[in-house]
């Protein structure tokens, strides 16, 4: 199997997404899942390998700097990455609080992005979350491409596990969230 620039370019772009923010990992996970779904296992492995080569310097740097001692760089240290997610940090009760809180914030993110006051959350939070979930299920079960819902599941899964309110991270994929509302209402 020879590697051409045509084959490697999408892998390089996906690998570079990590350098924008850690949430770029969701693009990689979705890409590998989509290739595996299409039974392109060799391409899925190649994607993982090319992305790993691009991720390696960042992982090495963060690991080599467990605690910088300087506030300006503390966010990018391995101590921060281990402490601010429910996989490596937090007691069981805290993990439950983080995940449930993030699910609530994730369901309410469209309300915030539409600029609705918190008073409306009481009435709209549950329906908003149900429509998003239903839209995901409908999009996955549909006959069209499942790329968008697979990416959103990876992305939302990452956001739910991160100990930080997800609203600002939903803003970048908000058009895709609107797609979920469309998918939920599609006949």
C-alpha atoms as a PDB file:
ATOM      1  CA  UNK A   1       0.000   0.000   0.000  1.00  0.00           C
ATOM      2  CA  UNK A   2       1.533   3.298  -1.066  1.00  0.00           C
ATOM      3  CA  UNK A   3       0.706   6.567   0.623  1.00  0.00           C
ATOM      4  CA  UNK A   4      -0.098   9.435  -1.698  1.00  0.00           C
ATOM      5  CA  UNK A   5      -0.587  13.066  -0.797  1.00  0.00           C
ATOM      6  CA  UNK A   6      -4.222  12.680  -1.856  1.00  0.00           C
ATOM      7  CA  UNK A   7      -4.681   9.924   0.759  1.00  0.00           C
ATOM      8  CA  UNK A   8      -2.653  11.630   3.483  1.00  0.00           C
ATOM      9  CA  UNK A   9      -4.046  15.167   3.219  1.00  0.00           C
ATOM     10  CA  UNK A  10      -7.313  14.488   5.109  1.00  0.00           C
ATOM     11  CA  UNK A  11      -5.299  12.625   7.754  1.00  0.00           C
ATOM     12  CA  UNK A  12      -2.945  15.579   8.148  1.00  0.00           C
ATOM     13  CA  UNK A  13      -5.830  18.034   8.453  1.00  0.00           C
ATOM     14  CA  UNK A  14      -7.546  15.862  11.063  1.00  0.00           C
ATOM     15  CA  UNK A  15      -4.267  15.477  12.933  1.00  0.00           C
ATOM     16  CA  UNK A  16      -3.790  19.226  12.978  1.00  0.00           C
ATOM     17  CA  UNK A  17      -7.208  19.734  14.603  1.00  0.00           C
ATOM     18  CA  UNK A  18      -5.713  18.721  17.941  1.00  0.00           C
ATOM     19  CA  UNK A  19      -3.453  21.739  17.748  1.00  0.00           C
ATOM     20  CA  UNK A  20      -6.513  23.994  17.726  1.00  0.00           C
ATOM     21  CA  UNK A  21      -7.955  22.485  20.931  1.00  0.00           C
ATOM     22  CA  UNK A  22      -8.211  19.099  22.537  1.00  0.00           C
ATOM     23  CA  UNK A  23     -11.762  18.817  21.218  1.00  0.00           C
ATOM     24  CA  UNK A  24     -10.191  18.137  17.811  1.00  0.00           C
ATOM     25  CA  UNK A  25      -9.861  14.544  19.013  1.00  0.00           C
ATOM     26  CA  UNK A  26     -13.596  14.179  18.266  1.00  0.00           C
ATOM     27  CA  UNK A  27     -12.914  14.731  14.557  1.00  0.00           C
ATOM     28  CA  UNK A  28     -10.289  11.990  14.629  1.00  0.00           C
ATOM     29  CA  UNK A  29     -12.557   9.574  16.506  1.00  0.00           C
ATOM     30  CA  UNK A  30     -15.438  10.249  14.105  1.00  0.00           C
ATOM     31  CA  UNK A  31     -13.170   9.798  11.090  1.00  0.00           C
ATOM     32  CA  UNK A  32     -11.887   6.456  12.330  1.00  0.00           C
ATOM     33  CA  UNK A  33     -15.407   5.290  13.193  1.00  0.00           C
ATOM     34  CA  UNK A  34     -16.743   6.322   9.787  1.00  0.00           C
ATOM     35  CA  UNK A  35     -13.921   4.528   7.957  1.00  0.00           C
ATOM     36  CA  UNK A  36     -14.488   1.425  10.086  1.00  0.00           C
ATOM     37  CA  UNK A  37     -18.231   1.648   9.367  1.00  0.00           C
ATOM     38  CA  UNK A  38     -17.413   1.656   5.649  1.00  0.00           C
ATOM     39  CA  UNK A  39     -15.088  -1.324   6.247  1.00  0.00           C
ATOM     40  CA  UNK A  40     -12.041   0.721   5.197  1.00  0.00           C
ATOM     41  CA  UNK A  41      -9.973  -0.642   8.061  1.00  0.00           C
ATOM     42  CA  UNK A  42      -6.620   0.034   6.400  1.00  0.00           C
ATOM     43  CA  UNK A  43      -7.549   3.695   5.913  1.00  0.00           C
ATOM     44  CA  UNK A  44      -8.812   3.890   9.511  1.00  0.00           C
ATOM     45  CA  UNK A  45      -5.477   2.575  10.789  1.00  0.00           C
ATOM     46  CA  UNK A  46      -3.588   4.939   8.491  1.00  0.00           C
ATOM     47  CA  UNK A  47      -5.666   7.864   9.737  1.00  0.00           C
ATOM     48  CA  UNK A  48      -4.860   6.933  13.316  1.00  0.00           C
ATOM     49  CA  UNK A  49      -1.156   6.578  12.571  1.00  0.00           C
ATOM     50  CA  UNK A  50      -0.822   9.897  10.733  1.00  0.00           C
ATOM     51  CA  UNK A  51      -2.790  11.709  13.426  1.00  0.00           C
ATOM     52  CA  UNK A  52      -0.693  10.024  16.143  1.00  0.00           C
ATOM     53  CA  UNK A  53       2.469  11.358  14.504  1.00  0.00           C
ATOM     54  CA  UNK A  54       1.018  14.860  14.652  1.00  0.00           C
ATOM     55  CA  UNK A  55      -0.349  14.413  18.195  1.00  0.00           C
ATOM     56  CA  UNK A  56       2.888  12.943  19.553  1.00  0.00           C
ATOM     57  CA  UNK A  57       4.813  16.225  19.988  1.00  0.00           C
ATOM     58  CA  UNK A  58       1.909  17.765  21.911  1.00  0.00           C
ATOM     59  CA  UNK A  59       1.486  14.715  24.136  1.00  0.00           C
ATOM     60  CA  UNK A  60       5.242  14.676  24.763  1.00  0.00           C
ATOM     61  CA  UNK A  61       5.316  18.390  25.601  1.00  0.00           C
ATOM     62  CA  UNK A  62       2.338  18.193  27.973  1.00  0.00           C
ATOM     63  CA  UNK A  63       3.827  15.098  29.654  1.00  0.00           C
ATOM     64  CA  UNK A  64       7.216  16.776  30.025  1.00  0.00           C
ATOM     65  CA  UNK A  65       5.556  19.724  31.782  1.00  0.00           C
ATOM     66  CA  UNK A  66       3.510  18.211  34.616  1.00  0.00           C
ATOM     67  CA  UNK A  67       3.259  21.580  36.366  1.00  0.00           C
ATOM     68  CA  UNK A  68       4.836  24.678  34.950  1.00  0.00           C
ATOM     69  CA  UNK A  69       4.654  26.752  38.119  1.00  0.00           C
ATOM     70  CA  UNK A  70       3.564  29.664  35.927  1.00  0.00           C
ATOM     71  CA  UNK A  71      -0.133  30.487  35.733  1.00  0.00           C
ATOM     72  CA  UNK A  72       0.124  31.464  32.102  1.00  0.00           C
ATOM     73  CA  UNK A  73       1.145  27.939  31.045  1.00  0.00           C
ATOM     74  CA  UNK A  74      -0.660  25.904  33.716  1.00  0.00           C
ATOM     75  CA  UNK A  75      -3.640  25.250  31.453  1.00  0.00           C
ATOM     76  CA  UNK A  76      -1.466  23.313  28.999  1.00  0.00           C
ATOM     77  CA  UNK A  77       0.241  20.979  31.469  1.00  0.00           C
ATOM     78  CA  UNK A  78      -0.411  17.283  31.981  1.00  0.00           C
ATOM     79  CA  UNK A  79      -1.592  18.058  35.521  1.00  0.00           C
ATOM     80  CA  UNK A  80      -4.408  20.156  34.081  1.00  0.00           C
ATOM     81  CA  UNK A  81      -5.392  17.540  31.507  1.00  0.00           C
ATOM     82  CA  UNK A  82      -5.525  14.852  34.196  1.00  0.00           C
ATOM     83  CA  UNK A  83      -7.404  17.000  36.697  1.00  0.00           C
ATOM     84  CA  UNK A  84     -10.091  18.450  34.441  1.00  0.00           C
ATOM     85  CA  UNK A  85     -11.811  15.339  33.117  1.00  0.00           C
ATOM     86  CA  UNK A  86     -13.850  12.607  34.756  1.00  0.00           C
ATOM     87  CA  UNK A  87     -11.734   9.794  33.353  1.00  0.00           C
ATOM     88  CA  UNK A  88      -8.579  10.622  35.332  1.00  0.00           C
ATOM     89  CA  UNK A  89      -9.843  12.971  38.033  1.00  0.00           C
ATOM     90  CA  UNK A  90     -12.603  13.367  40.607  1.00  0.00           C
ATOM     91  CA  UNK A  91     -14.247  11.078  43.125  1.00  0.00           C
ATOM     92  CA  UNK A  92     -17.242   8.992  41.957  1.00  0.00           C
ATOM     93  CA  UNK A  93     -19.822  11.440  43.350  1.00  0.00           C
ATOM     94  CA  UNK A  94     -18.001  14.336  41.712  1.00  0.00           C
ATOM     95  CA  UNK A  95     -17.855  12.476  38.394  1.00  0.00           C
ATOM     96  CA  UNK A  96     -21.615  12.024  38.509  1.00  0.00           C
ATOM     97  CA  UNK A  97     -22.080  15.720  39.297  1.00  0.00           C
ATOM     98  CA  UNK A  98     -19.810  16.794  36.433  1.00  0.00           C
ATOM     99  CA  UNK A  99     -21.427  14.472  33.872  1.00  0.00           C
ATOM    100  CA  UNK A 100     -25.009  15.299  34.894  1.00  0.00           C
ATOM    101  CA  UNK A 101     -24.235  19.033  35.019  1.00  0.00           C
ATOM    102  CA  UNK A 102     -22.613  18.894  31.596  1.00  0.00           C
ATOM    103  CA  UNK A 103     -25.581  16.998  30.156  1.00  0.00           C
ATOM    104  CA  UNK A 104     -27.884  19.738  31.461  1.00  0.00           C
ATOM    105  CA  UNK A 105     -25.635  22.458  30.041  1.00  0.00           C
ATOM    106  CA  UNK A 106     -25.317  20.586  26.749  1.00  0.00           C
ATOM    107  CA  UNK A 107     -29.092  20.294  26.412  1.00  0.00           C
ATOM    108  CA  UNK A 108     -29.436  23.965  27.299  1.00  0.00           C
ATOM    109  CA  UNK A 109     -26.639  25.209  25.047  1.00  0.00           C
ATOM    110  CA  UNK A 110     -29.018  26.107  22.175  1.00  0.00           C
ATOM    111  CA  UNK A 111     -31.074  28.180  24.618  1.00  0.00           C
ATOM    112  CA  UNK A 112     -27.983  30.143  25.618  1.00  0.00           C
ATOM    113  CA  UNK A 113     -26.811  30.517  22.032  1.00  0.00           C
ATOM    114  CA  UNK A 114     -30.245  31.850  21.051  1.00  0.00           C
ATOM    115  CA  UNK A 115     -29.888  34.338  23.911  1.00  0.00           C
ATOM    116  CA  UNK A 116     -32.928  33.160  25.865  1.00  0.00           C
ATOM    117  CA  UNK A 117     -32.972  34.201  29.533  1.00  0.00           C
ATOM    118  CA  UNK A 118     -32.561  31.517  32.186  1.00  0.00           C
ATOM    119  CA  UNK A 119     -36.211  31.890  33.178  1.00  0.00           C
ATOM    120  CA  UNK A 120     -37.154  29.977  30.001  1.00  0.00           C
ATOM    121  CA  UNK A 121     -34.853  27.087  30.880  1.00  0.00           C
ATOM    122  CA  UNK A 122     -37.422  25.604  33.259  1.00  0.00           C
ATOM    123  CA  UNK A 123     -39.862  25.199  30.394  1.00  0.00           C
ATOM    124  CA  UNK A 124     -37.528  24.444  27.509  1.00  0.00           C
ATOM    125  CA  UNK A 125     -34.539  22.489  28.853  1.00  0.00           C
ATOM    126  CA  UNK A 126     -36.089  19.008  28.809  1.00  0.00           C
ATOM    127  CA  UNK A 127     -37.831  19.425  25.420  1.00  0.00           C
ATOM    128  CA  UNK A 128     -34.647  20.920  23.961  1.00  0.00           C
ATOM    129  CA  UNK A 129     -32.568  17.939  25.166  1.00  0.00           C
ATOM    130  CA  UNK A 130     -35.161  15.428  23.969  1.00  0.00           C
ATOM    131  CA  UNK A 131     -35.288  16.982  20.491  1.00  0.00           C
ATOM    132  CA  UNK A 132     -31.481  16.963  20.243  1.00  0.00           C
ATOM    133  CA  UNK A 133     -31.361  13.297  21.304  1.00  0.00           C
ATOM    134  CA  UNK A 134     -34.212  12.351  18.998  1.00  0.00           C
ATOM    135  CA  UNK A 135     -32.521  14.198  16.140  1.00  0.00           C
ATOM    136  CA  UNK A 136     -29.337  12.188  16.756  1.00  0.00           C
ATOM    137  CA  UNK A 137     -31.273   8.917  16.690  1.00  0.00           C
ATOM    138  CA  UNK A 138     -33.203   9.926  13.546  1.00  0.00           C
ATOM    139  CA  UNK A 139     -30.033  11.035  11.773  1.00  0.00           C
ATOM    140  CA  UNK A 140     -28.273   7.771  12.660  1.00  0.00           C
ATOM    141  CA  UNK A 141     -31.247   5.685  11.533  1.00  0.00           C
ATOM    142  CA  UNK A 142     -31.745   7.643   8.312  1.00  0.00           C
ATOM    143  CA  UNK A 143     -30.623   6.538   4.920  1.00  0.00           C
ATOM    144  CA  UNK A 144     -28.381   9.525   4.343  1.00  0.00           C
ATOM    145  CA  UNK A 145     -24.842   9.969   5.622  1.00  0.00           C
ATOM    146  CA  UNK A 146     -24.286   9.381   9.322  1.00  0.00           C
ATOM    147  CA  UNK A 147     -21.077  11.406   9.414  1.00  0.00           C
ATOM    148  CA  UNK A 148     -22.575  14.416  11.212  1.00  0.00           C
ATOM    149  CA  UNK A 149     -24.313  12.455  13.996  1.00  0.00           C
ATOM    150  CA  UNK A 150     -21.240  10.245  14.545  1.00  0.00           C
ATOM    151  CA  UNK A 151     -19.046  13.334  14.863  1.00  0.00           C
ATOM    152  CA  UNK A 152     -21.528  14.993  17.227  1.00  0.00           C
ATOM    153  CA  UNK A 153     -21.707  11.884  19.427  1.00  0.00           C
ATOM    154  CA  UNK A 154     -17.893  11.860  19.692  1.00  0.00           C
ATOM    155  CA  UNK A 155     -17.786  15.624  20.279  1.00  0.00           C
ATOM    156  CA  UNK A 156     -20.618  15.704  22.830  1.00  0.00           C
ATOM    157  CA  UNK A 157     -19.139  12.663  24.580  1.00  0.00           C
ATOM    158  CA  UNK A 158     -15.866  14.524  24.988  1.00  0.00           C
ATOM    159  CA  UNK A 159     -17.664  17.627  26.280  1.00  0.00           C
ATOM    160  CA  UNK A 160     -19.690  15.648  28.813  1.00  0.00           C
ATOM    161  CA  UNK A 161     -16.509  14.121  30.253  1.00  0.00           C
ATOM    162  CA  UNK A 162     -14.650  17.439  30.491  1.00  0.00           C
ATOM    163  CA  UNK A 163     -15.025  19.362  33.746  1.00  0.00           C
ATOM    164  CA  UNK A 164     -16.018  22.610  32.109  1.00  0.00           C
ATOM    165  CA  UNK A 165     -19.444  23.909  31.027  1.00  0.00           C
ATOM    166  CA  UNK A 166     -19.791  22.964  27.347  1.00  0.00           C
ATOM    167  CA  UNK A 167     -21.765  25.929  25.990  1.00  0.00           C
ATOM    168  CA  UNK A 168     -18.838  27.752  24.394  1.00  0.00           C
ATOM    169  CA  UNK A 169     -17.694  24.539  22.704  1.00  0.00           C
ATOM    170  CA  UNK A 170     -21.178  23.958  21.277  1.00  0.00           C
ATOM    171  CA  UNK A 171     -21.050  27.382  19.602  1.00  0.00           C
ATOM    172  CA  UNK A 172     -18.508  26.108  17.060  1.00  0.00           C
ATOM    173  CA  UNK A 173     -20.778  23.224  16.014  1.00  0.00           C
ATOM    174  CA  UNK A 174     -24.069  25.073  16.415  1.00  0.00           C
ATOM    175  CA  UNK A 175     -25.023  24.695  12.727  1.00  0.00           C
ATOM    176  CA  UNK A 176     -24.692  20.936  13.215  1.00  0.00           C
ATOM    177  CA  UNK A 177     -26.877  21.136  16.336  1.00  0.00           C
ATOM    178  CA  UNK A 178     -29.492  22.906  14.218  1.00  0.00           C
ATOM    179  CA  UNK A 179     -29.178  19.968  11.810  1.00  0.00           C
ATOM    180  CA  UNK A 180     -30.293  17.712  14.697  1.00  0.00           C
ATOM    181  CA  UNK A 181     -33.429  19.810  15.161  1.00  0.00           C
ATOM    182  CA  UNK A 182     -34.076  19.530  11.419  1.00  0.00           C
ATOM    183  CA  UNK A 183     -33.488  15.745  11.528  1.00  0.00           C
ATOM    184  CA  UNK A 184     -35.909  15.412  14.445  1.00  0.00           C
ATOM    185  CA  UNK A 185     -38.662  17.145  12.486  1.00  0.00           C
ATOM    186  CA  UNK A 186     -37.969  15.523   9.126  1.00  0.00           C
ATOM    187  CA  UNK A 187     -40.710  13.181   7.918  1.00  0.00           C
END
